[in-house]
Amino acid sequence: MKNNDEKFSDLNFPSKLVTILSIGFLIIFALVVVIALYFFGIIGFFRLLNVQYDSNQALISFILKFFFICLIAEVFAKLIIRFIISYVNSNIVNFIVLMFFDILISWIVLHYVDESMSSITIPTWVELILALFLACAEYNFDKKKE
């Protein structure tokens, strides 16, 4: 019977290659599934709220621009939130400050990306609903990490 407790460095080249490619394909597959779920979720959300967009490429471009700009904006927002929360002792006020800045940053980025693209038209009330949804989702994910 073969011992399965071999070190990776002790494997021959074909075994190493198969192992690395398998792990790489698993990671790529997981990313594709997550991106596809998110993409189709956004399509469903936009259809539900009557958002107009020209093509799927425009929607992909919107999502990529939103996430890239949001990543940058979130860094600054987190710094401001940490600074403000350090002076407040109330959990309720901390929650309100956190939600306010999360909603505000998400809405500003959504509005900016929407206005910068002519191929997608999102009403302001939908931007606010989406910003509220994103802030609630982020709060719940951050809460689960703790």
C-alpha atoms as a PDB file:
ATOM      1  CA  MET A   1       0.000   0.000   0.000  1.00  0.00           C
ATOM      2  CA  LYS A   2       1.359   3.450  -0.942  1.00  0.00           C
ATOM      3  CA  ASN A   3       2.052   6.079   1.727  1.00  0.00           C
ATOM      4  CA  ASN A   4       0.018   9.257   1.019  1.00  0.00           C
ATOM      5  CA  ASP A   5       2.026  11.442   3.415  1.00  0.00           C
ATOM      6  CA  GLU A   6       4.692  12.410   0.870  1.00  0.00           C
ATOM      7  CA  LYS A   7       6.075  15.950   0.909  1.00  0.00           C
ATOM      8  CA  PHE A   8       5.413  18.121  -2.116  1.00  0.00           C
ATOM      9  CA  SER A   9       9.153  18.558  -2.659  1.00  0.00           C
ATOM     10  CA  ASP A  10       9.564  14.758  -2.853  1.00  0.00           C
ATOM     11  CA  LEU A  11       7.072  14.381  -5.728  1.00  0.00           C
ATOM     12  CA  ASN A  12       8.264  13.968  -9.296  1.00  0.00           C
ATOM     13  CA  PHE A  13       7.688  16.722 -11.874  1.00  0.00           C
ATOM     14  CA  PRO A  14       4.461  15.356 -13.450  1.00  0.00           C
ATOM     15  CA  SER A  15       2.891  14.924 -10.002  1.00  0.00           C
ATOM     16  CA  LYS A  16       3.862  18.468  -9.021  1.00  0.00           C
ATOM     17  CA  LEU A  17       2.471  19.813 -12.275  1.00  0.00           C
ATOM     18  CA  VAL A  18      -0.843  17.980 -11.837  1.00  0.00           C
ATOM     19  CA  THR A  19      -1.109  19.204  -8.241  1.00  0.00           C
ATOM     20  CA  ILE A  20      -0.388  22.829  -9.118  1.00  0.00           C
ATOM     21  CA  LEU A  21      -2.719  22.818 -12.133  1.00  0.00           C
ATOM     22  CA  SER A  22      -5.506  21.176 -10.112  1.00  0.00           C
ATOM     23  CA  ILE A  23      -5.270  23.774  -7.360  1.00  0.00           C
ATOM     24  CA  GLY A  24      -5.110  26.551  -9.958  1.00  0.00           C
ATOM     25  CA  PHE A  25      -8.202  25.262 -11.758  1.00  0.00           C
ATOM     26  CA  LEU A  26     -10.088  24.959  -8.458  1.00  0.00           C
ATOM     27  CA  ILE A  27      -9.274  28.567  -7.583  1.00  0.00           C
ATOM     28  CA  ILE A  28     -10.229  29.809 -11.053  1.00  0.00           C
ATOM     29  CA  PHE A  29     -13.464  27.786 -10.970  1.00  0.00           C
ATOM     30  CA  ALA A  30     -14.382  29.214  -7.555  1.00  0.00           C
ATOM     31  CA  LEU A  31     -13.727  32.764  -8.761  1.00  0.00           C
ATOM     32  CA  VAL A  32     -15.768  32.235 -11.928  1.00  0.00           C
ATOM     33  CA  VAL A  33     -18.698  30.853  -9.914  1.00  0.00           C
ATOM     34  CA  VAL A  34     -18.634  33.805  -7.495  1.00  0.00           C
ATOM     35  CA  ILE A  35     -18.356  36.348 -10.306  1.00  0.00           C
ATOM     36  CA  ALA A  36     -21.149  34.656 -12.282  1.00  0.00           C
ATOM     37  CA  LEU A  37     -23.451  34.595  -9.258  1.00  0.00           C
ATOM     38  CA  TYR A  38     -22.745  38.246  -8.579  1.00  0.00           C
ATOM     39  CA  PHE A  39     -23.220  39.203 -12.244  1.00  0.00           C
ATOM     40  CA  PHE A  40     -26.544  37.381 -12.579  1.00  0.00           C
ATOM     41  CA  GLY A  41     -27.644  38.768  -9.208  1.00  0.00           C
ATOM     42  CA  ILE A  42     -26.978  42.290 -10.450  1.00  0.00           C
ATOM     43  CA  ILE A  43     -28.867  41.549 -13.681  1.00  0.00           C
ATOM     44  CA  GLY A  44     -31.847  40.311 -11.671  1.00  0.00           C
ATOM     45  CA  PHE A  45     -31.714  43.285  -9.316  1.00  0.00           C
ATOM     46  CA  PHE A  46     -31.516  45.736 -12.224  1.00  0.00           C
ATOM     47  CA  ARG A  47     -34.383  44.059 -14.097  1.00  0.00           C
ATOM     48  CA  LEU A  48     -36.481  44.062 -10.940  1.00  0.00           C
ATOM     49  CA  LEU A  49     -35.917  47.803 -10.478  1.00  0.00           C
ATOM     50  CA  ASN A  50     -36.173  48.706 -14.180  1.00  0.00           C
ATOM     51  CA  VAL A  51     -32.582  49.865 -14.683  1.00  0.00           C
ATOM     52  CA  GLN A  52     -31.706  50.413 -18.326  1.00  0.00           C
ATOM     53  CA  TYR A  53     -28.381  49.237 -19.775  1.00  0.00           C
ATOM     54  CA  ASP A  54     -27.270  48.779 -23.377  1.00  0.00           C
ATOM     55  CA  SER A  55     -25.473  45.439 -23.186  1.00  0.00           C
ATOM     56  CA  ASN A  56     -23.926  42.876 -20.894  1.00  0.00           C
ATOM     57  CA  GLN A  57     -20.519  44.393 -21.669  1.00  0.00           C
ATOM     58  CA  ALA A  58     -21.771  47.738 -20.350  1.00  0.00           C
ATOM     59  CA  LEU A  59     -22.953  46.003 -17.192  1.00  0.00           C
ATOM     60  CA  ILE A  60     -19.609  44.231 -16.746  1.00  0.00           C
ATOM     61  CA  SER A  61     -17.806  47.531 -17.266  1.00  0.00           C
ATOM     62  CA  PHE A  62     -20.093  49.183 -14.697  1.00  0.00           C
ATOM     63  CA  ILE A  63     -19.457  46.452 -12.121  1.00  0.00           C
ATOM     64  CA  LEU A  64     -15.678  46.538 -12.630  1.00  0.00           C
ATOM     65  CA  LYS A  65     -15.513  50.341 -12.428  1.00  0.00           C
ATOM     66  CA  PHE A  66     -17.731  50.338  -9.350  1.00  0.00           C
ATOM     67  CA  PHE A  67     -15.613  47.798  -7.494  1.00  0.00           C
ATOM     68  CA  PHE A  68     -12.295  49.386  -8.424  1.00  0.00           C
ATOM     69  CA  ILE A  69     -13.365  52.863  -7.319  1.00  0.00           C
ATOM     70  CA  CYS A  70     -15.172  51.464  -4.278  1.00  0.00           C
ATOM     71  CA  LEU A  71     -12.024  49.664  -3.099  1.00  0.00           C
ATOM     72  CA  ILE A  72     -10.124  52.938  -3.109  1.00  0.00           C
ATOM     73  CA  ALA A  73     -12.954  54.904  -1.470  1.00  0.00           C
ATOM     74  CA  GLU A  74     -13.472  52.250   1.222  1.00  0.00           C
ATOM     75  CA  VAL A  75      -9.882  52.636   2.425  1.00  0.00           C
ATOM     76  CA  PHE A  76     -10.427  56.321   3.135  1.00  0.00           C
ATOM     77  CA  ALA A  77     -13.881  55.726   4.590  1.00  0.00           C
ATOM     78  CA  LYS A  78     -12.551  53.068   6.983  1.00  0.00           C
ATOM     79  CA  LEU A  79      -9.897  55.507   8.221  1.00  0.00           C
ATOM     80  CA  ILE A  80     -12.512  58.193   8.873  1.00  0.00           C
ATOM     81  CA  ILE A  81     -14.866  55.708  10.534  1.00  0.00           C
ATOM     82  CA  ARG A  82     -12.114  54.349  12.819  1.00  0.00           C
ATOM     83  CA  PHE A  83     -11.152  57.896  13.799  1.00  0.00           C
ATOM     84  CA  ILE A  84     -14.735  58.897  14.633  1.00  0.00           C
ATOM     85  CA  ILE A  85     -15.592  55.644  16.408  1.00  0.00           C
ATOM     86  CA  SER A  86     -12.501  55.934  18.624  1.00  0.00           C
ATOM     87  CA  TYR A  87     -14.094  58.999  20.265  1.00  0.00           C
ATOM     88  CA  VAL A  88     -17.559  57.492  20.730  1.00  0.00           C
ATOM     89  CA  ASN A  89     -18.451  54.957  23.414  1.00  0.00           C
ATOM     90  CA  SER A  90     -22.010  54.146  22.355  1.00  0.00           C
ATOM     91  CA  ASN A  91     -22.613  51.051  20.235  1.00  0.00           C
ATOM     92  CA  ILE A  92     -25.706  52.620  18.693  1.00  0.00           C
ATOM     93  CA  VAL A  93     -23.811  55.738  17.624  1.00  0.00           C
ATOM     94  CA  ASN A  94     -20.982  53.542  16.276  1.00  0.00           C
ATOM     95  CA  PHE A  95     -23.513  51.590  14.199  1.00  0.00           C
ATOM     96  CA  ILE A  96     -25.130  54.786  12.892  1.00  0.00           C
ATOM     97  CA  VAL A  97     -21.751  56.297  11.939  1.00  0.00           C
ATOM     98  CA  LEU A  98     -20.664  53.062  10.257  1.00  0.00           C
ATOM     99  CA  MET A  99     -23.885  52.713   8.256  1.00  0.00           C
ATOM    100  CA  PHE A 100     -23.965  56.407   7.336  1.00  0.00           C
ATOM    101  CA  PHE A 101     -20.454  56.365   5.870  1.00  0.00           C
ATOM    102  CA  ASP A 102     -20.925  52.994   4.163  1.00  0.00           C
ATOM    103  CA  ILE A 103     -24.157  54.134   2.521  1.00  0.00           C
ATOM    104  CA  LEU A 104     -22.680  57.518   1.611  1.00  0.00           C
ATOM    105  CA  ILE A 105     -19.511  56.098   0.045  1.00  0.00           C
ATOM    106  CA  SER A 106     -21.425  53.398  -1.863  1.00  0.00           C
ATOM    107  CA  TRP A 107     -23.956  55.930  -3.145  1.00  0.00           C
ATOM    108  CA  ILE A 108     -21.301  58.453  -4.212  1.00  0.00           C
ATOM    109  CA  VAL A 109     -19.362  55.781  -6.102  1.00  0.00           C
ATOM    110  CA  LEU A 110     -22.538  54.340  -7.674  1.00  0.00           C
ATOM    111  CA  HIS A 111     -23.670  57.793  -8.750  1.00  0.00           C
ATOM    112  CA  TYR A 112     -20.244  58.712 -10.144  1.00  0.00           C
ATOM    113  CA  VAL A 113     -19.930  55.498 -12.164  1.00  0.00           C
ATOM    114  CA  ASP A 114     -23.531  55.811 -13.390  1.00  0.00           C
ATOM    115  CA  GLU A 115     -22.996  59.398 -14.524  1.00  0.00           C
ATOM    116  CA  SER A 116     -19.662  58.589 -16.179  1.00  0.00           C
ATOM    117  CA  MET A 117     -21.234  55.880 -18.355  1.00  0.00           C
ATOM    118  CA  SER A 118     -23.804  56.714 -21.006  1.00  0.00           C
ATOM    119  CA  SER A 119     -24.616  53.037 -21.597  1.00  0.00           C
ATOM    120  CA  ILE A 120     -26.325  52.542 -18.234  1.00  0.00           C
ATOM    121  CA  THR A 121     -29.033  54.612 -16.571  1.00  0.00           C
ATOM    122  CA  ILE A 122     -29.790  54.086 -12.899  1.00  0.00           C
ATOM    123  CA  PRO A 123     -32.425  56.246 -11.193  1.00  0.00           C
ATOM    124  CA  THR A 124     -31.256  57.978  -8.007  1.00  0.00           C
ATOM    125  CA  TRP A 125     -33.715  56.069  -5.821  1.00  0.00           C
ATOM    126  CA  VAL A 126     -32.307  52.762  -7.135  1.00  0.00           C
ATOM    127  CA  GLU A 127     -28.775  53.984  -6.385  1.00  0.00           C
ATOM    128  CA  LEU A 128     -29.838  54.708  -2.800  1.00  0.00           C
ATOM    129  CA  ILE A 129     -31.529  51.308  -2.402  1.00  0.00           C
ATOM    130  CA  LEU A 130     -28.462  49.547  -3.810  1.00  0.00           C
ATOM    131  CA  ALA A 131     -26.158  51.589  -1.528  1.00  0.00           C
ATOM    132  CA  LEU A 132     -28.299  50.649   1.490  1.00  0.00           C
ATOM    133  CA  PHE A 133     -28.265  46.979   0.466  1.00  0.00           C
ATOM    134  CA  LEU A 134     -24.483  46.993  -0.024  1.00  0.00           C
ATOM    135  CA  ALA A 135     -23.922  48.699   3.345  1.00  0.00           C
ATOM    136  CA  CYS A 136     -26.125  46.145   5.130  1.00  0.00           C
ATOM    137  CA  ALA A 137     -24.384  43.255   3.393  1.00  0.00           C
ATOM    138  CA  GLU A 138     -20.951  44.643   4.252  1.00  0.00           C
ATOM    139  CA  TYR A 139     -21.971  45.161   7.887  1.00  0.00           C
ATOM    140  CA  ASN A 140     -23.211  41.574   8.151  1.00  0.00           C
ATOM    141  CA  PHE A 141     -20.066  40.145   6.533  1.00  0.00           C
ATOM    142  CA  ASP A 142     -17.837  42.245   8.808  1.00  0.00           C
ATOM    143  CA  LYS A 143     -19.894  41.172  11.817  1.00  0.00           C
ATOM    144  CA  LYS A 144     -19.433  37.476  10.920  1.00  0.00           C
ATOM    145  CA  LYS A 145     -15.638  37.946  10.755  1.00  0.00           C
ATOM    146  CA  GLU A 146     -15.607  39.104  14.382  1.00  0.00           C
END
